[in-house]
Protein backbone atom coordinates (compact mmCIF):
# COMPACT_ATOMS: atom_id res chain seq x y z
CA MET A 1 19.25 -57.53 65.00
CA ARG A 2 19.46 -57.10 61.25
CA ARG A 3 15.65 -57.09 60.99
CA PHE A 4 15.49 -54.51 63.79
CA LEU A 5 17.98 -52.24 62.02
CA ILE A 6 16.08 -52.50 58.75
CA THR A 7 12.79 -51.73 60.48
CA ALA A 8 14.34 -48.75 62.31
CA ALA A 9 15.80 -47.44 59.07
CA VAL A 10 12.42 -47.69 57.33
CA LEU A 11 10.72 -45.87 60.20
CA ILE A 12 13.32 -43.11 60.11
CA VAL A 13 12.76 -42.65 56.38
CA ILE A 14 8.97 -42.54 56.87
CA VAL A 15 9.24 -40.01 59.69
CA ALA A 16 11.71 -37.91 57.72
CA ALA A 17 9.41 -37.96 54.70
CA GLY A 18 6.50 -36.92 56.87
CA VAL A 19 8.46 -34.07 58.45
CA PHE A 20 9.64 -32.95 55.03
CA GLY A 21 6.08 -33.07 53.70
CA ILE A 22 4.75 -30.97 56.58
CA ASP A 23 7.68 -28.60 56.23
CA ARG A 24 7.09 -28.07 52.54
CA ALA A 25 3.33 -27.67 53.05
CA VAL A 26 3.92 -24.81 55.48
CA ALA A 27 6.50 -23.27 53.14
CA ALA A 28 4.09 -23.58 50.22
CA TYR A 29 1.44 -21.64 52.13
CA ALA A 30 3.87 -18.82 52.92
CA GLU A 31 5.05 -18.75 49.29
CA ASP A 32 1.46 -18.54 48.03
CA GLN A 33 0.64 -15.68 50.39
CA ILE A 34 3.67 -13.73 49.21
CA ARG A 35 2.96 -14.53 45.55
CA GLN A 36 -0.57 -13.14 45.86
CA GLN A 37 0.67 -9.94 47.49
CA THR A 38 3.36 -9.52 44.85
CA VAL A 39 0.73 -9.76 42.11
CA ALA A 40 -1.25 -7.06 43.93
CA GLU A 41 1.87 -4.89 44.29
CA VAL A 42 2.66 -5.13 40.57
CA SER A 43 -0.93 -4.24 39.65
CA LYS A 44 -0.96 -1.32 42.10
CA GLN A 45 2.05 0.18 40.32
CA GLY A 46 0.24 -0.04 36.97
CA MET A 47 2.47 -2.83 35.69
CA LYS A 48 2.12 -6.40 34.50
CA SER A 49 4.34 -9.46 34.74
CA ASP A 50 4.30 -13.21 34.43
CA ASP A 51 3.15 -15.09 37.53
CA PRO A 52 5.74 -14.44 40.29
CA ARG A 53 8.04 -17.27 41.34
CA VAL A 54 8.55 -17.38 45.11
CA ASP A 55 11.06 -19.49 47.02
CA VAL A 56 11.35 -19.59 50.81
CA GLY A 57 14.93 -20.49 51.71
CA GLY A 58 16.18 -22.51 54.64
CA PHE A 59 15.42 -26.02 55.90
CA PRO A 60 13.85 -27.18 58.08
CA PHE A 61 11.38 -24.45 57.32
CA ILE A 62 9.10 -25.46 60.18
CA ASN A 63 11.80 -24.40 62.66
CA GLN A 64 11.68 -20.94 61.13
CA VAL A 65 7.90 -20.93 61.43
CA ILE A 66 8.04 -21.76 65.13
CA GLY A 67 10.56 -19.00 65.69
CA GLY A 68 8.64 -16.55 63.49
CA LYS A 69 11.88 -15.52 61.72
CA TYR A 70 12.94 -16.57 58.22
CA ASP A 71 16.32 -16.63 56.54
CA LYS A 72 15.52 -15.44 53.03
CA ILE A 73 12.67 -15.25 50.56
CA THR A 74 13.35 -14.84 46.85
CA ILE A 75 10.75 -13.46 44.43
CA VAL A 76 11.35 -13.50 40.66
CA LEU A 77 9.20 -11.45 38.27
CA ASP A 78 9.61 -12.22 34.57
CA ASN A 79 8.65 -9.70 31.87
CA LEU A 80 7.77 -6.89 34.25
CA ALA A 81 6.30 -4.23 31.97
CA GLY A 82 4.84 -0.77 32.41
CA GLN A 83 5.29 2.91 31.64
CA GLY A 84 7.07 2.11 28.38
CA ILE A 85 9.79 -0.13 29.85
CA THR A 86 10.02 -3.92 30.14
CA LEU A 87 12.37 -5.60 32.60
CA PRO A 88 13.04 -9.15 31.33
CA GLU A 89 13.58 -10.29 34.92
CA LEU A 90 13.41 -8.59 38.32
CA THR A 91 14.78 -10.57 41.26
CA LEU A 92 13.75 -9.53 44.76
CA GLU A 93 15.42 -10.90 47.88
CA ALA A 94 13.76 -10.39 51.26
CA THR A 95 15.84 -10.86 54.41
CA GLY A 96 14.98 -10.60 58.08
CA VAL A 97 11.49 -11.89 57.29
CA ASN A 98 9.08 -11.88 60.23
CA ALA A 99 5.89 -13.95 60.42
CA PRO A 100 4.44 -15.05 63.75
CA LEU A 101 3.29 -18.67 63.91
CA GLU A 102 -0.28 -17.56 64.61
CA ALA A 103 -0.27 -15.46 61.44
CA LEU A 104 0.38 -18.52 59.32
CA ARG A 105 -1.95 -20.71 61.36
CA SER A 106 -4.93 -18.32 61.12
CA HIS A 107 -4.24 -17.16 57.53
CA GLN A 108 -4.94 -13.62 58.77
CA GLY A 109 -1.61 -12.26 59.96
CA SER A 110 1.16 -10.33 58.26
CA ILE A 111 4.54 -11.24 56.85
CA THR A 112 7.09 -8.42 56.80
CA ALA A 113 10.75 -8.10 55.83
CA ASP A 114 13.40 -5.96 57.45
CA LYS A 115 14.86 -5.35 54.00
CA VAL A 116 14.14 -6.18 50.36
CA THR A 117 16.78 -5.77 47.67
CA GLY A 118 16.05 -5.87 43.94
CA HIS A 119 18.14 -6.45 40.85
CA SER A 120 17.42 -6.28 37.13
CA VAL A 121 19.07 -5.58 33.78
CA ILE A 122 17.41 -3.14 31.36
CA PRO A 123 18.30 -3.88 27.71
CA TRP A 124 20.08 -0.98 25.99
CA ALA A 125 17.34 -0.71 23.37
CA SER A 126 14.86 -0.02 26.19
CA VAL A 127 17.17 2.61 27.73
CA VAL A 128 17.54 4.38 24.37
CA ALA A 129 13.77 4.34 23.82
CA ALA A 130 13.02 5.62 27.34
CA ALA A 131 15.65 8.36 27.13
CA LYS A 132 14.47 9.29 23.62
CA LEU A 133 18.02 9.48 22.31
CA PRO A 134 17.59 10.58 18.68
CA GLU A 135 19.24 8.38 16.07
CA LEU A 136 21.73 6.91 18.55
CA GLN A 137 22.44 3.51 20.09
CA LEU A 138 24.07 2.61 23.40
CA SER A 139 26.30 -0.34 24.25
CA ALA A 140 28.84 -1.13 26.96
CA ASN A 141 32.24 -2.76 27.20
CA ASP A 142 33.10 -5.41 29.77
CA ASP A 143 34.77 -2.73 31.92
CA GLY A 144 31.51 -0.77 32.15
CA THR A 145 32.42 2.08 29.80
CA LEU A 146 29.39 3.20 27.82
CA LYS A 147 29.64 3.69 24.06
CA VAL A 148 27.49 5.78 21.69
CA SER A 149 27.06 5.13 17.98
CA GLY A 150 24.65 6.12 15.24
CA THR A 151 24.07 8.43 12.32
CA ALA A 152 22.72 11.98 12.28
CA SER A 153 22.20 14.61 9.61
CA PHE A 154 24.13 17.92 9.69
CA ALA A 155 23.68 20.55 6.97
CA GLY A 156 22.15 17.91 4.74
CA LEU A 157 25.07 15.51 5.26
CA SER A 158 24.49 12.11 6.88
CA VAL A 159 27.32 11.63 9.38
CA PRO A 160 28.22 8.37 11.17
CA LEU A 161 28.93 9.14 14.84
CA THR A 162 30.80 7.54 17.70
CA GLY A 163 31.39 8.57 21.29
CA ALA A 164 30.84 7.90 24.97
CA ALA A 165 28.09 8.44 27.53
CA GLN A 166 27.31 8.19 31.24
CA VAL A 167 24.27 6.88 33.07
CA THR A 168 23.73 8.09 36.63
CA LEU A 169 21.01 8.16 39.27
CA ALA A 170 19.04 11.38 38.96
CA THR A 171 16.72 10.50 41.86
CA PRO A 172 15.93 7.25 43.69
CA THR A 173 13.39 6.51 40.95
CA SER A 174 14.89 8.06 37.79
CA LEU A 175 18.00 7.87 35.61
CA ARG A 176 19.97 10.47 33.67
CA VAL A 177 21.76 9.69 30.39
CA ARG A 178 24.37 12.18 29.22
CA VAL A 179 26.52 11.94 26.08
CA THR A 180 30.01 13.05 27.16
CA GLU A 181 31.93 12.57 23.91
CA LEU A 182 30.71 12.65 20.32
CA GLY A 183 32.44 12.91 16.97
CA GLY A 184 32.30 11.74 13.40
CA THR A 185 33.95 8.50 12.41
CA ASP A 186 35.43 10.31 9.39
CA PRO A 187 38.61 12.15 10.48
CA ASN A 188 38.33 14.46 7.45
CA LEU A 189 35.09 16.22 8.46
CA ASN A 190 35.29 19.99 8.00
CA ALA A 191 35.24 22.41 10.93
CA ALA A 192 31.65 23.51 10.32
CA ILE A 193 30.26 19.97 10.61
CA THR A 194 32.45 19.31 13.66
CA ALA A 195 31.02 22.42 15.33
CA LEU A 196 27.46 21.25 14.61
CA ILE A 197 28.25 17.86 16.16
CA ASP A 198 29.56 19.60 19.29
CA LYS A 199 26.34 21.62 19.61
CA PHE A 200 24.30 18.47 19.04
CA LYS A 201 26.22 16.69 21.83
CA GLU A 202 25.44 19.46 24.35
CA ARG A 203 21.72 18.77 23.93
CA LEU A 204 22.07 15.05 24.58
CA VAL A 205 21.18 15.00 28.27
CA PHE A 206 18.01 13.10 29.15
CA THR A 207 16.33 12.16 32.42
CA PHE A 208 13.67 9.47 32.46
CA GLN A 209 11.52 7.88 35.11
CA LEU A 210 11.72 4.17 35.78
CA PRO A 211 8.53 2.21 36.41
CA LYS A 212 7.39 2.13 40.03
CA LEU A 213 8.95 -1.07 41.33
CA PRO A 214 7.15 -3.48 43.69
CA TYR A 215 7.43 -2.74 47.40
CA ASN A 216 8.51 0.86 46.68
CA LEU A 217 12.09 -0.11 45.90
CA LYS A 218 14.43 2.85 45.57
CA LEU A 219 17.36 2.73 43.14
CA SER A 220 20.76 2.59 44.82
CA LYS A 221 23.17 1.61 42.02
CA VAL A 222 23.41 1.52 38.22
CA GLN A 223 26.17 -0.18 36.26
CA PRO A 224 26.55 -0.48 32.46
CA THR A 225 27.17 -4.03 31.24
CA PRO A 226 27.27 -5.57 27.75
CA ALA A 227 23.82 -7.10 28.40
CA GLY A 228 22.24 -3.80 29.42
CA LEU A 229 21.97 -1.40 32.33
CA ASP A 230 22.33 -3.30 35.59
CA ILE A 231 20.16 -1.66 38.29
CA SER A 232 19.87 -2.38 42.01
CA GLY A 233 17.47 -1.04 44.61
CA TYR A 234 16.22 -1.57 48.14
CA ALA A 235 13.39 -0.92 50.59
CA ASP A 236 13.28 -1.20 54.40
CA ASP A 237 10.48 -2.46 56.64
CA VAL A 238 8.53 -4.03 53.78
CA PRO A 239 5.08 -5.67 54.02
CA LEU A 240 5.08 -8.92 52.05
CA THR A 241 1.39 -9.55 52.75
CA LYS A 242 -1.53 -7.16 52.82
CA ASP A 243 -1.65 -6.85 56.62
CA GLY A 244 1.92 -5.56 56.90
CA ALA A 245 3.07 -2.02 57.62
CA THR A 246 3.97 0.56 54.99
CA ALA A 247 7.44 0.18 53.46
CA LYS A 248 10.05 2.87 54.00
């Protein structure tokens, strides 16, 4: 009996290893297809990035293949750069992923997602450069309030400045930066310099276009953080391989 149990246990392990190997092989194919399309998407938008990292979630994956419906696919793009802005990391999460079994079997079908969400953090230095804020820096507190600091010249006098700003969505693909408060750090500035600072502040409203994100993601939320500007976006009905339909 003991020998039988040992033999059965060994067989179970071998079968499990074989199933896992087949499962991962199918997942690897799907991941490679999506990786190739992501590279094409990035290039189409006139951008560059490191090689995408793709992970197909859920196990056993082969059950998802048979059903043609997948739990989640995560795509990570490092150093996504273009149009004057670099995103250190863009994470895309595809849900409601559809891929018929025959599509994977023939290598000719399409993989689509009901929805893709994206998330990234733009460093403040990149925001300042894109918005062309003259002589100013941006930073944020833990509570999300946005601070302005820097030095500007008024009537030949170099004046250290401090204040506050807001970042909002101008359109689904662009951001607006507006300085809402600005003053000198020196409480003894004369009225003439203070008036010049006020006029300077009124001009500090800038709108800038973000790079075209993969899969036509549209911005839905921006949030200042100490690390940078946290942005989120989404797209519906997204083709993850070249044979898919056009994203909305």
